[in-house]
Protein backbone atom coordinates (compact mmCIF):
# COMPACT_ATOMS: atom_id res chain seq x y z
CA UNK A 1 68.68 -25.91 200.35
CA UNK A 2 71.04 -26.03 203.03
CA UNK A 3 74.88 -25.09 202.63
CA UNK A 4 77.63 -26.68 204.46
CA UNK A 5 77.62 -23.29 206.77
CA UNK A 6 74.12 -23.59 207.49
CA UNK A 7 74.54 -26.90 208.87
CA UNK A 8 75.00 -27.23 212.99
CA UNK A 9 78.24 -27.29 213.86
CA UNK A 10 79.32 -30.83 215.25
CA UNK A 11 82.98 -30.28 216.63
CA UNK A 12 85.73 -32.90 217.59
CA UNK A 13 87.68 -32.80 220.62
CA UNK A 14 90.35 -31.36 218.09
CA UNK A 15 88.68 -28.71 217.27
CA UNK A 16 86.42 -27.91 220.77
CA UNK A 17 87.59 -25.99 223.92
CA UNK A 18 85.66 -28.45 226.29
CA UNK A 19 84.87 -32.35 225.38
CA UNK A 20 82.31 -34.19 227.56
CA UNK A 21 82.74 -37.74 227.73
CA UNK A 22 79.23 -39.28 228.21
CA UNK A 23 78.15 -42.29 229.65
CA UNK A 24 75.28 -43.71 228.86
CA UNK A 25 73.76 -46.87 230.99
CA UNK A 26 71.59 -49.45 229.68
CA UNK A 27 67.59 -47.72 229.67
CA UNK A 28 69.31 -44.45 230.34
CA UNK A 29 66.66 -41.55 229.25
CA UNK A 30 66.86 -40.38 225.98
CA UNK A 31 65.12 -37.24 226.70
CA UNK A 32 67.42 -36.66 229.36
CA UNK A 33 70.41 -37.13 226.84
CA UNK A 34 69.00 -34.65 224.47
CA UNK A 35 68.41 -32.11 226.90
CA UNK A 36 71.86 -32.43 227.96
CA UNK A 37 73.64 -31.77 224.44
CA UNK A 38 71.28 -29.50 222.84
CA UNK A 39 72.47 -26.76 224.67
CA UNK A 40 76.32 -27.45 223.70
CA UNK A 41 75.21 -27.75 220.17
CA UNK A 42 73.64 -24.54 219.97
CA UNK A 43 75.96 -23.07 221.96
CA UNK A 44 78.44 -24.00 218.88
CA UNK A 45 75.81 -22.30 216.52
CA UNK A 46 76.05 -19.32 218.35
CA UNK A 47 79.79 -18.45 219.50
CA UNK A 48 83.03 -20.09 219.25
CA UNK A 49 83.78 -23.47 218.92
CA UNK A 50 83.57 -24.34 222.26
CA UNK A 51 81.83 -27.78 222.76
CA UNK A 52 82.57 -31.65 221.69
CA UNK A 53 81.09 -34.63 223.28
CA UNK A 54 81.94 -38.61 222.57
CA UNK A 55 79.36 -41.11 223.87
CA UNK A 56 80.52 -43.96 225.93
CA UNK A 57 78.55 -46.76 227.02
CA UNK A 58 80.04 -49.60 229.81
CA UNK A 59 81.54 -52.11 226.83
CA UNK A 60 81.79 -49.87 223.51
CA UNK A 61 78.75 -51.19 222.80
CA UNK A 62 75.50 -49.72 221.26
CA UNK A 63 73.67 -48.84 224.02
CA UNK A 64 69.63 -49.34 224.33
CA UNK A 65 67.66 -46.28 226.01
CA UNK A 66 64.74 -46.90 228.32
CA UNK A 67 62.50 -46.03 224.79
CA UNK A 68 63.83 -48.65 222.73
CA UNK A 69 66.22 -47.02 221.16
CA UNK A 70 69.63 -48.06 220.79
CA UNK A 71 72.33 -45.54 220.53
CA UNK A 72 75.96 -46.06 219.42
CA UNK A 73 78.91 -45.44 221.21
CA UNK A 74 82.09 -43.87 220.35
CA UNK A 75 83.91 -46.04 222.97
CA UNK A 76 84.02 -47.75 226.24
CA UNK A 77 83.78 -45.94 229.40
CA UNK A 78 87.05 -47.29 230.31
CA UNK A 79 89.02 -47.17 227.01
CA UNK A 80 88.83 -43.33 226.31
CA UNK A 81 91.03 -40.91 227.06
CA UNK A 82 89.31 -38.57 229.62
CA UNK A 83 88.11 -35.45 228.22
CA UNK A 84 87.16 -31.76 230.06
CA UNK A 85 84.26 -33.40 232.13
CA UNK A 86 82.71 -36.96 232.73
CA UNK A 87 78.43 -36.77 232.36
CA UNK A 88 76.63 -39.93 233.72
CA UNK A 89 73.00 -40.39 232.32
CA UNK A 90 71.14 -43.05 233.76
CA UNK A 91 67.43 -43.76 234.35
CA UNK A 92 65.78 -47.55 235.39
CA UNK A 93 68.35 -49.69 237.06
CA UNK A 94 70.85 -47.42 236.94
CA UNK A 95 72.94 -49.48 239.01
CA UNK A 96 72.66 -52.88 237.35
CA UNK A 97 75.25 -52.74 234.98
CA UNK A 98 77.67 -50.81 237.14
CA UNK A 99 80.93 -52.94 238.37
CA UNK A 100 83.39 -52.47 241.06
CA UNK A 101 85.65 -51.28 238.33
CA UNK A 102 83.30 -48.88 236.88
CA UNK A 103 83.31 -47.22 240.96
CA UNK A 104 86.94 -47.51 240.79
CA UNK A 105 87.30 -45.64 237.51
CA UNK A 106 84.92 -42.73 238.91
CA UNK A 107 87.51 -42.36 241.60
CA UNK A 108 90.21 -42.08 239.73
CA UNK A 109 88.36 -38.96 237.49
CA UNK A 110 87.47 -37.59 240.60
CA UNK A 111 90.98 -37.56 241.77
CA UNK A 112 91.99 -35.69 239.02
CA UNK A 113 89.97 -32.81 240.01
CA UNK A 114 87.96 -33.28 236.55
CA UNK A 115 84.16 -31.88 236.91
CA UNK A 116 81.79 -35.09 237.38
CA UNK A 117 77.71 -34.95 236.30
CA UNK A 118 74.91 -37.20 236.85
CA UNK A 119 71.46 -36.82 235.21
CA UNK A 120 68.15 -38.58 236.25
CA UNK A 121 69.20 -41.52 238.88
CA UNK A 122 73.07 -41.38 237.82
CA UNK A 123 73.41 -39.66 241.46
CA UNK A 124 73.15 -43.37 242.79
CA UNK A 125 76.18 -44.48 240.40
CA UNK A 126 78.30 -41.43 241.81
CA UNK A 127 77.28 -41.87 245.74
CA UNK A 128 77.80 -45.56 245.71
CA UNK A 129 81.44 -44.89 243.84
CA UNK A 130 82.04 -42.40 246.90
CA UNK A 131 82.60 -38.94 244.58
CA UNK A 132 79.66 -36.97 245.98
CA UNK A 133 81.00 -36.42 249.70
CA UNK A 134 80.67 -33.21 250.86
CA UNK A 135 78.65 -32.06 248.04
CA UNK A 136 74.95 -31.11 247.68
CA UNK A 137 72.91 -33.57 245.40
CA UNK A 138 69.84 -32.89 243.50
CA UNK A 139 67.77 -36.11 242.76
CA UNK A 140 64.51 -36.25 240.80
CA UNK A 141 61.56 -36.46 243.71
CA UNK A 142 60.64 -39.58 242.88
CA UNK A 143 63.95 -41.26 243.58
CA UNK A 144 65.04 -39.21 246.73
CA UNK A 145 63.25 -41.47 249.53
CA UNK A 146 65.25 -44.56 248.53
CA UNK A 147 68.23 -42.17 247.85
CA UNK A 148 68.22 -40.91 251.47
CA UNK A 149 67.75 -44.86 252.65
CA UNK A 150 70.94 -45.62 251.18
CA UNK A 151 72.91 -42.41 251.60
CA UNK A 152 71.21 -40.66 254.67
CA UNK A 153 74.81 -38.80 255.21
CA UNK A 154 74.46 -37.09 251.77
CA UNK A 155 73.22 -33.29 251.48
CA UNK A 156 70.72 -34.09 249.05
CA UNK A 157 67.27 -32.81 247.99
CA UNK A 158 64.65 -32.75 245.03
CA UNK A 159 65.99 -29.65 243.75
CA UNK A 160 66.02 -29.74 239.69
CA UNK A 161 69.50 -29.36 239.53
CA UNK A 162 72.45 -28.48 241.50
CA UNK A 163 75.96 -27.50 240.69
CA UNK A 164 78.21 -27.68 243.54
CA UNK A 165 81.78 -26.82 242.63
CA UNK A 166 83.52 -30.28 240.58
CA UNK A 167 80.15 -31.78 240.70
CA UNK A 168 76.47 -31.30 238.90
CA UNK A 169 73.65 -33.17 239.76
CA UNK A 170 70.35 -33.01 238.01
CA UNK A 171 66.76 -34.96 238.43
CA UNK A 172 67.09 -35.63 234.81
CA UNK A 173 64.70 -34.89 231.89
CA UNK A 174 63.85 -30.69 230.85
CA UNK A 175 65.73 -30.22 234.01
CA UNK A 176 69.17 -30.80 232.05
CA UNK A 177 68.71 -27.70 229.43
CA UNK A 178 68.33 -25.44 232.45
CA UNK A 179 71.59 -27.27 234.41
CA UNK A 180 73.68 -26.66 231.07
CA UNK A 181 72.62 -23.05 230.22
CA UNK A 182 73.78 -22.44 234.25
CA UNK A 183 77.29 -24.06 233.80
CA UNK A 184 77.47 -22.30 230.35
CA UNK A 185 76.55 -18.78 231.70
CA UNK A 186 78.80 -19.68 234.61
CA UNK A 187 82.13 -20.54 232.27
CA UNK A 188 80.87 -18.26 229.09
CA UNK A 189 78.26 -15.52 230.42
CA UNK A 190 74.69 -14.83 231.01
CA UNK A 191 74.33 -13.55 227.17
CA UNK A 192 75.30 -16.85 225.72
CA UNK A 193 73.12 -18.95 228.19
CA UNK A 194 70.20 -16.55 227.47
CA UNK A 195 70.78 -17.19 223.71
CA UNK A 196 70.95 -20.55 223.62
CA UNK A 197 67.64 -20.54 225.50
CA UNK A 198 65.92 -18.33 222.96
CA UNK A 199 66.84 -20.45 220.56
CA UNK A 200 65.32 -23.96 222.28
CA UNK A 201 62.22 -21.87 222.81
CA UNK A 202 62.94 -22.32 226.28
CA UNK A 203 61.95 -20.33 229.59
CA UNK A 204 64.90 -20.85 232.09
CA UNK A 205 64.25 -21.83 235.95
CA UNK A 206 66.24 -21.59 238.85
CA UNK A 207 68.33 -24.79 240.24
CA UNK A 208 66.25 -24.89 243.74
CA UNK A 209 62.53 -24.96 242.23
CA UNK A 210 61.86 -28.67 242.04
CA UNK A 211 58.76 -29.99 240.62
CA UNK A 212 56.95 -30.29 244.21
CA UNK A 213 57.87 -26.85 245.10
CA UNK A 214 56.50 -25.61 241.99
CA UNK A 215 53.46 -27.24 242.28
CA UNK A 216 52.16 -26.41 245.72
CA UNK A 217 54.42 -23.90 246.82
CA UNK A 218 55.81 -23.42 250.40
CA UNK A 219 54.61 -26.02 252.03
CA UNK A 220 55.34 -28.93 249.98
CA UNK A 221 57.96 -30.85 251.61
CA UNK A 222 59.66 -33.87 249.56
CA UNK A 223 62.47 -34.79 251.96
CA UNK A 224 61.85 -38.69 252.91
CA UNK A 225 58.60 -39.03 251.12
CA UNK A 226 57.22 -42.43 251.43
CA UNK A 227 56.69 -44.27 248.18
CA UNK A 228 53.12 -44.47 248.27
CA UNK A 229 52.59 -40.78 248.41
CA UNK A 230 54.97 -40.48 245.62
CA UNK A 231 53.25 -42.61 243.59
CA UNK A 232 49.70 -40.91 244.36
CA UNK A 233 51.11 -37.46 243.24
CA UNK A 234 52.80 -38.79 239.88
CA UNK A 235 48.73 -40.92 239.52
CA UNK A 236 47.25 -37.33 240.29
CA UNK A 237 49.68 -35.66 237.64
CA UNK A 238 48.80 -38.25 235.03
CA UNK A 239 44.95 -37.96 235.59
CA UNK A 240 44.50 -34.40 235.51
CA UNK A 241 42.10 -34.40 232.75
CA UNK A 242 39.79 -36.95 234.34
CA UNK A 243 40.51 -37.03 237.98
CA UNK A 244 39.96 -40.13 240.30
CA UNK A 245 37.98 -40.66 243.41
CA UNK A 246 40.38 -40.33 246.58
CA UNK A 247 39.07 -43.91 247.41
CA UNK A 248 40.47 -45.12 243.84
CA UNK A 249 43.31 -43.44 244.43
CA UNK A 250 44.19 -45.09 247.85
CA UNK A 251 43.57 -48.56 246.05
CA UNK A 252 46.17 -47.69 243.63
CA UNK A 253 48.76 -47.24 245.52
CA UNK A 254 47.84 -49.66 248.58
CA UNK A 255 46.33 -47.22 251.03
CA UNK A 256 42.72 -46.42 252.67
CA UNK A 257 41.28 -43.06 252.23
CA UNK A 258 42.33 -42.23 255.87
CA UNK A 259 45.69 -43.34 255.62
CA UNK A 260 46.29 -41.16 252.07
CA UNK A 261 45.00 -38.12 253.92
CA UNK A 262 47.29 -38.67 256.91
CA UNK A 263 50.39 -38.86 254.43
CA UNK A 264 49.50 -35.80 252.43
CA UNK A 265 48.54 -33.80 255.54
CA UNK A 266 52.14 -34.77 256.99
CA UNK A 267 54.22 -34.22 254.09
CA UNK A 268 51.75 -31.73 252.22
CA UNK A 269 49.85 -29.81 254.60
CA UNK A 270 47.10 -30.38 252.59
CA UNK A 271 44.53 -32.57 251.81
CA UNK A 272 44.20 -34.59 248.84
CA UNK A 273 41.63 -33.10 247.29
CA UNK A 274 43.19 -30.09 247.64
CA UNK A 275 46.46 -31.35 246.28
CA UNK A 276 44.52 -32.75 243.34
CA UNK A 277 42.63 -29.27 242.69
CA UNK A 278 46.32 -27.61 242.67
CA UNK A 279 47.77 -30.17 240.04
CA UNK A 280 44.87 -29.47 237.65
CA UNK A 281 44.58 -25.57 238.08
CA UNK A 282 48.44 -25.04 237.63
CA UNK A 283 48.13 -27.27 234.57
CA UNK A 284 45.33 -25.40 233.35
CA UNK A 285 47.47 -22.13 233.91
CA UNK A 286 50.31 -23.68 232.05
CA UNK A 287 47.91 -24.78 228.74
CA UNK A 288 46.57 -20.90 228.73
CA UNK A 289 49.89 -19.63 228.84
CA UNK A 290 51.60 -22.19 225.98
CA UNK A 291 48.58 -22.48 223.84
CA UNK A 292 45.72 -20.41 222.04
CA UNK A 293 42.69 -22.61 223.42
CA UNK A 294 39.54 -20.98 225.09
CA UNK A 295 38.76 -20.76 228.87
CA UNK A 296 36.26 -23.22 228.49
CA UNK A 297 38.50 -25.79 226.82
CA UNK A 298 41.35 -25.60 229.33
CA UNK A 299 38.84 -26.22 231.90
CA UNK A 300 37.46 -29.76 229.97
CA UNK A 301 41.26 -30.61 229.57
CA UNK A 302 41.68 -30.48 233.11
CA UNK A 303 38.58 -32.24 234.60
CA UNK A 304 36.11 -29.59 235.38
CA UNK A 305 32.55 -30.34 233.78
CA UNK A 306 31.57 -26.15 234.47
CA UNK A 307 33.12 -23.39 233.66
CA UNK A 308 32.16 -21.15 236.60
CA UNK A 309 33.47 -23.72 239.19
CA UNK A 310 36.95 -23.64 237.09
CA UNK A 311 36.71 -19.35 236.96
CA UNK A 312 36.22 -19.38 240.86
CA UNK A 313 38.77 -21.83 241.61
CA UNK A 314 41.17 -20.14 239.14
CA UNK A 315 40.57 -16.82 240.56
CA UNK A 316 41.41 -17.90 244.33
CA UNK A 317 44.61 -19.34 243.29
CA UNK A 318 46.00 -17.30 240.96
CA UNK A 319 44.33 -13.69 242.03
CA UNK A 320 42.92 -13.35 238.32
CA UNK A 321 40.18 -15.17 236.20
CA UNK A 322 41.67 -17.23 233.66
CA UNK A 323 40.69 -15.12 230.63
CA UNK A 324 42.76 -12.54 231.70
CA UNK A 325 45.74 -14.91 231.41
CA UNK A 326 44.64 -16.40 228.18
CA UNK A 327 44.07 -12.87 226.92
CA UNK A 328 47.56 -11.86 228.19
CA UNK A 329 49.73 -15.33 226.82
CA UNK A 330 48.05 -13.69 223.33
CA UNK A 331 48.91 -10.86 223.73
CA UNK A 332 52.45 -11.39 224.40
CA UNK A 333 52.71 -13.58 221.39
């Protein structure tokens, strides 16, 4: 039976060294919220009473996430006394519920030299309020083209997260864990950040490694990526188990195979079929590292009908046969 001392320490602002006010916009990402808060909770469990947080909505009423789950708010965004950091979490239709009054509140918060963080599509809100001037900004790769259209003067890119002085921006999702671990490391040391990562069973990643850069290496350029190409990449990532023909892929994004090939060549410096193969091989590698399934099962799970073909392609990309990767991951467990 759990005793009171076994329970995770949930601190009040009076008990904690740092209080984060987390402003949730309608249709925010629940995953992003959890990845933001869990490192703070674990930090409290491992060390001193460091962190408290308050969940805010625009009007103080419950706010519904993009997955349909409602979250009670502790206060309205403009009612609560300001803590030590403001974090804005959004996702779909980020700016639909944001008014000029909210922009003014953000500017006043920035004027007090308070750290402000923005995750997922929340950088749009901060940029519109004018509080990202002079800072480097991380934006989710899918949203980056639209962000650059509206805010071409800002130094934005597709990094997982960027901590630049008093501004923290992140692509959202699991990248929030890495952003918070990096922030904790800056303030309370690497030992605590690494201990939190171990508790969360999380392998830390660097701020500059965007999903695209991890995907295809140095040739992958996400700056000003056209929407059809971004959609094509998303479809590829979602269909690694049953790859589409390039003609069908083009139909889904409204481009001919020739037009699609030109986009891939211009922005990714590779053919669509080659990019598809890279995505599938990278997915297979993660499966072999993170699970105990066989090489044959990994090949089938990533759309390869013949194990011999899979093994040749895998060795060419990673410099070792898939059986070696699988064996090493098993010996590490």
